[in-house]
């Protein structure tokens, strides 16, 4: 069994694509995934599968969600090893509380270091770096409204990414590593992002 996390993009935002977490967990279970857990409402689903291919798992979940919930689903899949590597490569600035930090997960279609050339930042108030499958973005809290990355959603590449804050990203890895978690009853980590 492989432990995965599915990051669903574009759900429960601005009144669009509203999905209840209990319905989402039920759908994953019905599709044959095991030990299904959700975390907060932004579309983070941890589960286990016998399917060894992330591409196949991604395609299966996108089709399942599109049919069941009647929207064009876009999902980014990461294994426990992927998440461990991402967290291990967090830049040093991620520990600075005077900055806001986000992890921007990239689909296979745009997963390349060359993405950095397409996304201009204001170097005096922002930092952006790449690690396989992700971008690490930070901006000074007191200047965040002036950052270029705040306008990311207007760019065409945005349809191929999903954003999580640094704490949610760490929490996903923590839950994926939890020894007693899998095999227990499904549950929802309802506490908000911290």
Foldseek 3Di string as FASTA:
>chain_A
DFKKKKQWPDEPPPPPNDDDPVVVQVLCVVLPWFLWEAEARRGIIITHDPDPDQVVVQVSVQVSCCVPSVDRIGIHMDTLVRLVVVLVPADPCLVPPQKFKKKKFFAPVPFDQCVCVVQDWDVVFKDWGHDGRIIIIIGGPVCVVVISCVCVVVDPRSVGIHMDGPQVSVVSSVLSPDPVRGPDDYDYNHDDRD
